[in-house]
Amino acid sequence: MCPEVLKVNCPNCGREVVRARPSEAPFFPFCCERCKLIDLGKWLDEQHRIEEPLEPGAGASGGA
């Protein structure tokens, strides 16, 4: 059984990333460690954030 080949663009730089096995693209979906760390930095600087609850009615109180 042949693993499915995944082709995506790096979310940071847009470079194509091809992966048939996890060992072939260790930073998937990013093309390299640098792009992965740039994205992490954006989350830590709050440039990326989730602004709405994932489920309707789920607030900061956690429903309790």
PDB file of N, CA and C in Angstrom:
ATOM      1  N   MET A   1       0.847  -1.181   0.000  1.00  0.00           N
ATOM      2  CA  MET A   1       0.000   0.000   0.000  1.00  0.00           C
ATOM      3  C   MET A   1       0.892   1.244   0.000  1.00  0.00           C
ATOM      4  N   CYS A   2       0.714   2.096  -0.960  1.00  0.00           N
ATOM      5  CA  CYS A   2       1.533   3.300  -1.110  1.00  0.00           C
ATOM      6  C   CYS A   2       0.891   4.461  -0.341  1.00  0.00           C
ATOM      7  N   PRO A   3       1.691   5.195   0.462  1.00  0.00           N
ATOM      8  CA  PRO A   3       1.114   6.329   1.193  1.00  0.00           C
ATOM      9  C   PRO A   3       0.711   7.449   0.233  1.00  0.00           C
ATOM     10  N   GLU A   4      -0.304   8.171   0.605  1.00  0.00           N
ATOM     11  CA  GLU A   4      -0.787   9.277  -0.216  1.00  0.00           C
ATOM     12  C   GLU A   4       0.193  10.444  -0.140  1.00  0.00           C
ATOM     13  N   VAL A   5       0.501  11.034  -1.272  1.00  0.00           N
ATOM     14  CA  VAL A   5       1.402  12.182  -1.328  1.00  0.00           C
ATOM     15  C   VAL A   5       0.579  13.447  -1.111  1.00  0.00           C
ATOM     16  N   LEU A   6       1.005  14.263  -0.149  1.00  0.00           N
ATOM     17  CA  LEU A   6       0.329  15.523   0.143  1.00  0.00           C
ATOM     18  C   LEU A   6       1.149  16.671  -0.419  1.00  0.00           C
ATOM     19  N   LYS A   7       0.504  17.581  -1.133  1.00  0.00           N
ATOM     20  CA  LYS A   7       1.161  18.780  -1.646  1.00  0.00           C
ATOM     21  C   LYS A   7       0.399  19.986  -1.125  1.00  0.00           C
ATOM     22  N   VAL A   8       1.085  20.818  -0.370  1.00  0.00           N
ATOM     23  CA  VAL A   8       0.484  22.048   0.153  1.00  0.00           C
ATOM     24  C   VAL A   8       1.494  23.174  -0.001  1.00  0.00           C
ATOM     25  N   ASN A   9       1.022  24.393   0.135  1.00  0.00           N
ATOM     26  CA  ASN A   9       1.914  25.542   0.143  1.00  0.00           C
ATOM     27  C   ASN A   9       2.197  25.933   1.583  1.00  0.00           C
ATOM     28  N   CYS A  10       3.442  26.290   1.850  1.00  0.00           N
ATOM     29  CA  CYS A  10       3.841  26.734   3.185  1.00  0.00           C
ATOM     30  C   CYS A  10       2.990  27.944   3.567  1.00  0.00           C
ATOM     31  N   PRO A  11       2.357  27.927   4.747  1.00  0.00           N
ATOM     32  CA  PRO A  11       1.507  29.047   5.155  1.00  0.00           C
ATOM     33  C   PRO A  11       2.281  30.356   5.341  1.00  0.00           C
ATOM     34  N   ASN A  12       3.587  30.275   5.503  1.00  0.00           N
ATOM     35  CA  ASN A  12       4.375  31.482   5.735  1.00  0.00           C
ATOM     36  C   ASN A  12       4.913  32.085   4.436  1.00  0.00           C
ATOM     37  N   CYS A  13       5.595  31.283   3.607  1.00  0.00           N
ATOM     38  CA  CYS A  13       6.257  31.833   2.418  1.00  0.00           C
ATOM     39  C   CYS A  13       5.610  31.415   1.102  1.00  0.00           C
ATOM     40  N   GLY A  14       4.712  30.425   1.133  1.00  0.00           N
ATOM     41  CA  GLY A  14       4.024  29.995  -0.076  1.00  0.00           C
ATOM     42  C   GLY A  14       4.758  28.932  -0.882  1.00  0.00           C
ATOM     43  N   ARG A  15       5.930  28.521  -0.443  1.00  0.00           N
ATOM     44  CA  ARG A  15       6.706  27.503  -1.144  1.00  0.00           C
ATOM     45  C   ARG A  15       5.984  26.160  -1.078  1.00  0.00           C
ATOM     46  N   GLU A  16       6.045  25.368  -2.160  1.00  0.00           N
ATOM     47  CA  GLU A  16       5.368  24.074  -2.186  1.00  0.00           C
ATOM     48  C   GLU A  16       6.076  23.071  -1.275  1.00  0.00           C
ATOM     49  N   VAL A  17       5.279  22.355  -0.479  1.00  0.00           N
ATOM     50  CA  VAL A  17       5.794  21.318   0.416  1.00  0.00           C
ATOM     51  C   VAL A  17       5.156  20.004  -0.013  1.00  0.00           C
ATOM     52  N   VAL A  18       5.981  19.001  -0.304  1.00  0.00           N
ATOM     53  CA  VAL A  18       5.503  17.692  -0.732  1.00  0.00           C
ATOM     54  C   VAL A  18       5.862  16.687   0.353  1.00  0.00           C
ATOM     55  N   ARG A  19       4.889  15.875   0.736  1.00  0.00           N
ATOM     56  CA  ARG A  19       5.120  14.900   1.805  1.00  0.00           C
ATOM     57  C   ARG A  19       4.404  13.596   1.488  1.00  0.00           C
ATOM     58  N   ALA A  20       5.151  12.498   1.467  1.00  0.00           N
ATOM     59  CA  ALA A  20       4.555  11.169   1.340  1.00  0.00           C
ATOM     60  C   ALA A  20       4.578  10.468   2.691  1.00  0.00           C
ATOM     61  N   ARG A  21       5.620  10.752   3.484  1.00  0.00           N
ATOM     62  CA  ARG A  21       5.774  10.193   4.831  1.00  0.00           C
ATOM     63  C   ARG A  21       6.156  11.320   5.777  1.00  0.00           C
ATOM     64  N   PRO A  22       5.807  11.224   7.047  1.00  0.00           N
ATOM     65  CA  PRO A  22       6.161  12.283   8.000  1.00  0.00           C
ATOM     66  C   PRO A  22       7.651  12.601   8.031  1.00  0.00           C
ATOM     67  N   SER A  23       8.502  11.612   7.826  1.00  0.00           N
ATOM     68  CA  SER A  23       9.948  11.852   7.873  1.00  0.00           C
ATOM     69  C   SER A  23      10.444  12.682   6.691  1.00  0.00           C
ATOM     70  N   GLU A  24       9.653  12.787   5.626  1.00  0.00           N
ATOM     71  CA  GLU A  24      10.065  13.541   4.441  1.00  0.00           C
ATOM     72  C   GLU A  24       9.873  15.041   4.597  1.00  0.00           C
ATOM     73  N   ALA A  25       9.027  15.464   5.485  1.00  0.00           N
ATOM     74  CA  ALA A  25       8.784  16.895   5.706  1.00  0.00           C
ATOM     75  C   ALA A  25       8.588  17.103   7.207  1.00  0.00           C
ATOM     76  N   PRO A  26       9.682  17.164   7.972  1.00  0.00           N
ATOM     77  CA  PRO A  26       9.572  17.217   9.434  1.00  0.00           C
ATOM     78  C   PRO A  26       8.897  18.474   9.976  1.00  0.00           C
ATOM     79  N   PHE A  27       8.801  19.531   9.172  1.00  0.00           N
ATOM     80  CA  PHE A  27       8.185  20.776   9.644  1.00  0.00           C
ATOM     81  C   PHE A  27       6.813  21.002   9.015  1.00  0.00           C
ATOM     82  N   PHE A  28       6.237  19.967   8.415  1.00  0.00           N
ATOM     83  CA  PHE A  28       4.948  20.042   7.725  1.00  0.00           C
ATOM     84  C   PHE A  28       3.894  20.698   8.597  1.00  0.00           C
ATOM     85  N   PRO A  29       3.101  21.628   8.111  1.00  0.00           N
ATOM     86  CA  PRO A  29       2.921  22.074   6.739  1.00  0.00           C
ATOM     87  C   PRO A  29       3.885  23.181   6.314  1.00  0.00           C
ATOM     88  N   PHE A  30       4.870  23.490   7.136  1.00  0.00           N
ATOM     89  CA  PHE A  30       5.843  24.520   6.786  1.00  0.00           C
ATOM     90  C   PHE A  30       6.976  23.895   5.986  1.00  0.00           C
ATOM     91  N   CYS A  31       7.677  24.714   5.188  1.00  0.00           N
ATOM     92  CA  CYS A  31       8.753  24.191   4.348  1.00  0.00           C
ATOM     93  C   CYS A  31      10.050  24.005   5.119  1.00  0.00           C
ATOM     94  N   CYS A  32      10.222  24.737   6.215  1.00  0.00           N
ATOM     95  CA  CYS A  32      11.473  24.654   6.970  1.00  0.00           C
ATOM     96  C   CYS A  32      11.235  25.108   8.414  1.00  0.00           C
ATOM     97  N   GLU A  33      12.246  24.894   9.238  1.00  0.00           N
ATOM     98  CA  GLU A  33      12.137  25.282  10.644  1.00  0.00           C
ATOM     99  C   GLU A  33      11.957  26.791  10.786  1.00  0.00           C
ATOM    100  N   ARG A  34      12.620  27.568   9.940  1.00  0.00           N
ATOM    101  CA  ARG A  34      12.514  29.028  10.003  1.00  0.00           C
ATOM    102  C   ARG A  34      11.062  29.483   9.841  1.00  0.00           C
ATOM    103  N   CYS A  35      10.370  28.954   8.824  1.00  0.00           N
ATOM    104  CA  CYS A  35       8.968  29.338   8.606  1.00  0.00           C
ATOM    105  C   CYS A  35       8.090  28.900   9.774  1.00  0.00           C
ATOM    106  N   LYS A  36       8.372  27.738  10.333  1.00  0.00           N
ATOM    107  CA  LYS A  36       7.614  27.249  11.494  1.00  0.00           C
ATOM    108  C   LYS A  36       7.786  28.195  12.679  1.00  0.00           C
ATOM    109  N   LEU A  37       9.023  28.634  12.928  1.00  0.00           N
ATOM    110  CA  LEU A  37       9.290  29.526  14.057  1.00  0.00           C
ATOM    111  C   LEU A  37       8.729  30.930  13.828  1.00  0.00           C
ATOM    112  N   ILE A  38       8.732  31.395  12.590  1.00  0.00           N
ATOM    113  CA  ILE A  38       8.118  32.693  12.283  1.00  0.00           C
ATOM    114  C   ILE A  38       6.628  32.645  12.611  1.00  0.00           C
ATOM    115  N   ASP A  39       5.957  31.550  12.228  1.00  0.00           N
ATOM    116  CA  ASP A  39       4.530  31.402  12.523  1.00  0.00           C
ATOM    117  C   ASP A  39       4.287  31.337  14.027  1.00  0.00           C
ATOM    118  N   LEU A  40       5.112  30.592  14.751  1.00  0.00           N
ATOM    119  CA  LEU A  40       4.984  30.517  16.205  1.00  0.00           C
ATOM    120  C   LEU A  40       5.132  31.905  16.820  1.00  0.00           C
ATOM    121  N   GLY A  41       6.096  32.678  16.343  1.00  0.00           N
ATOM    122  CA  GLY A  41       6.293  34.038  16.839  1.00  0.00           C
ATOM    123  C   GLY A  41       5.073  34.916  16.623  1.00  0.00           C
ATOM    124  N   LYS A  42       4.391  34.741  15.492  1.00  0.00           N
ATOM    125  CA  LYS A  42       3.176  35.520  15.227  1.00  0.00           C
ATOM    126  C   LYS A  42       2.078  35.170  16.220  1.00  0.00           C
ATOM    127  N   TRP A  43       1.962  33.882  16.585  1.00  0.00           N
ATOM    128  CA  TRP A  43       0.981  33.489  17.602  1.00  0.00           C
ATOM    129  C   TRP A  43       1.352  34.086  18.952  1.00  0.00           C
ATOM    130  N   LEU A  44       2.640  34.028  19.305  1.00  0.00           N
ATOM    131  CA  LEU A  44       3.078  34.538  20.606  1.00  0.00           C
ATOM    132  C   LEU A  44       2.947  36.057  20.701  1.00  0.00           C
ATOM    133  N   ASP A  45       3.114  36.760  19.577  1.00  0.00           N
ATOM    134  CA  ASP A  45       2.939  38.217  19.541  1.00  0.00           C
ATOM    135  C   ASP A  45       1.475  38.619  19.365  1.00  0.00           C
ATOM    136  N   GLU A  46       0.585  37.621  19.313  1.00  0.00           N
ATOM    137  CA  GLU A  46      -0.860  37.805  19.140  1.00  0.00           C
ATOM    138  C   GLU A  46      -1.221  38.456  17.812  1.00  0.00           C
ATOM    139  N   GLN A  47      -0.388  38.244  16.782  1.00  0.00           N
ATOM    140  CA  GLN A  47      -0.750  38.661  15.433  1.00  0.00           C
ATOM    141  C   GLN A  47      -1.763  37.677  14.848  1.00  0.00           C
ATOM    142  N   HIS A  48      -1.698  36.423  15.292  1.00  0.00           N
ATOM    143  CA  HIS A  48      -2.701  35.402  14.972  1.00  0.00           C
ATOM    144  C   HIS A  48      -3.456  35.125  16.259  1.00  0.00           C
ATOM    145  N   ARG A  49      -4.765  34.977  16.164  1.00  0.00           N
ATOM    146  CA  ARG A  49      -5.539  34.620  17.353  1.00  0.00           C
ATOM    147  C   ARG A  49      -6.906  34.083  16.932  1.00  0.00           C
ATOM    148  N   ILE A  50      -7.501  33.320  17.824  1.00  0.00           N
ATOM    149  CA  ILE A  50      -8.858  32.824  17.626  1.00  0.00           C
ATOM    150  C   ILE A  50      -9.752  33.775  18.394  1.00  0.00           C
ATOM    151  N   GLU A  51     -10.609  34.482  17.679  1.00  0.00           N
ATOM    152  CA  GLU A  51     -11.395  35.538  18.304  1.00  0.00           C
ATOM    153  C   GLU A  51     -12.783  35.105  18.740  1.00  0.00           C
ATOM    154  N   GLU A  52     -13.280  33.982  18.219  1.00  0.00           N
ATOM    155  CA  GLU A  52     -14.627  33.535  18.561  1.00  0.00           C
ATOM    156  C   GLU A  52     -14.559  32.162  19.221  1.00  0.00           C
ATOM    157  N   PRO A  53     -15.526  31.846  20.082  1.00  0.00           N
ATOM    158  CA  PRO A  53     -15.572  30.498  20.657  1.00  0.00           C
ATOM    159  C   PRO A  53     -15.719  29.454  19.550  1.00  0.00           C
ATOM    160  N   LEU A  54     -15.145  28.282  19.747  1.00  0.00           N
ATOM    161  CA  LEU A  54     -15.239  27.222  18.759  1.00  0.00           C
ATOM    162  C   LEU A  54     -16.632  26.622  18.696  1.00  0.00           C
ATOM    163  N   GLU A  55     -17.352  26.625  19.824  1.00  0.00           N
ATOM    164  CA  GLU A  55     -18.698  26.075  19.870  1.00  0.00           C
ATOM    165  C   GLU A  55     -19.674  27.179  20.254  1.00  0.00           C
ATOM    166  N   PRO A  56     -20.858  27.192  19.635  1.00  0.00           N
ATOM    167  CA  PRO A  56     -21.853  28.191  20.025  1.00  0.00           C
ATOM    168  C   PRO A  56     -22.205  28.057  21.506  1.00  0.00           C
ATOM    169  N   GLY A  57     -22.250  29.164  22.213  1.00  0.00           N
ATOM    170  CA  GLY A  57     -22.620  29.158  23.619  1.00  0.00           C
ATOM    171  C   GLY A  57     -21.466  28.883  24.563  1.00  0.00           C
ATOM    172  N   ALA A  58     -20.294  28.557  24.040  1.00  0.00           N
ATOM    173  CA  ALA A  58     -19.135  28.293  24.899  1.00  0.00           C
ATOM    174  C   ALA A  58     -18.422  29.610  25.159  1.00  0.00           C
ATOM    175  N   GLY A  59     -18.503  30.072  26.376  1.00  0.00           N
ATOM    176  CA  GLY A  59     -17.866  31.326  26.738  1.00  0.00           C
ATOM    177  C   GLY A  59     -16.618  31.092  27.552  1.00  0.00           C
ATOM    178  N   ALA A  60     -16.083  32.144  28.119  1.00  0.00           N
ATOM    179  CA  ALA A  60     -14.867  32.057  28.925  1.00  0.00           C
ATOM    180  C   ALA A  60     -15.097  31.261  30.208  1.00  0.00           C
ATOM    181  N   SER A  61     -16.356  31.171  30.665  1.00  0.00           N
ATOM    182  CA  SER A  61     -16.645  30.460  31.912  1.00  0.00           C
ATOM    183  C   SER A  61     -16.549  28.947  31.761  1.00  0.00           C
ATOM    184  N   GLY A  62     -16.499  28.440  30.540  1.00  0.00           N
ATOM    185  CA  GLY A  62     -16.410  26.995  30.335  1.00  0.00           C
ATOM    186  C   GLY A  62     -17.720  26.274  30.570  1.00  0.00           C
ATOM    187  N   GLY A  63     -18.809  27.002  30.672  1.00  0.00           N
ATOM    188  CA  GLY A  63     -20.117  26.389  30.843  1.00  0.00           C
ATOM    189  C   GLY A  63     -20.444  26.013  32.269  1.00  0.00           C
ATOM    190  N   ALA A  64     -19.581  26.362  33.213  1.00  0.00           N
ATOM    191  CA  ALA A  64     -19.856  26.018  34.612  1.00  0.00           C
ATOM    192  C   ALA A  64     -19.946  27.257  35.455  1.00  0.00           C
TER     193      ALA A  64
END
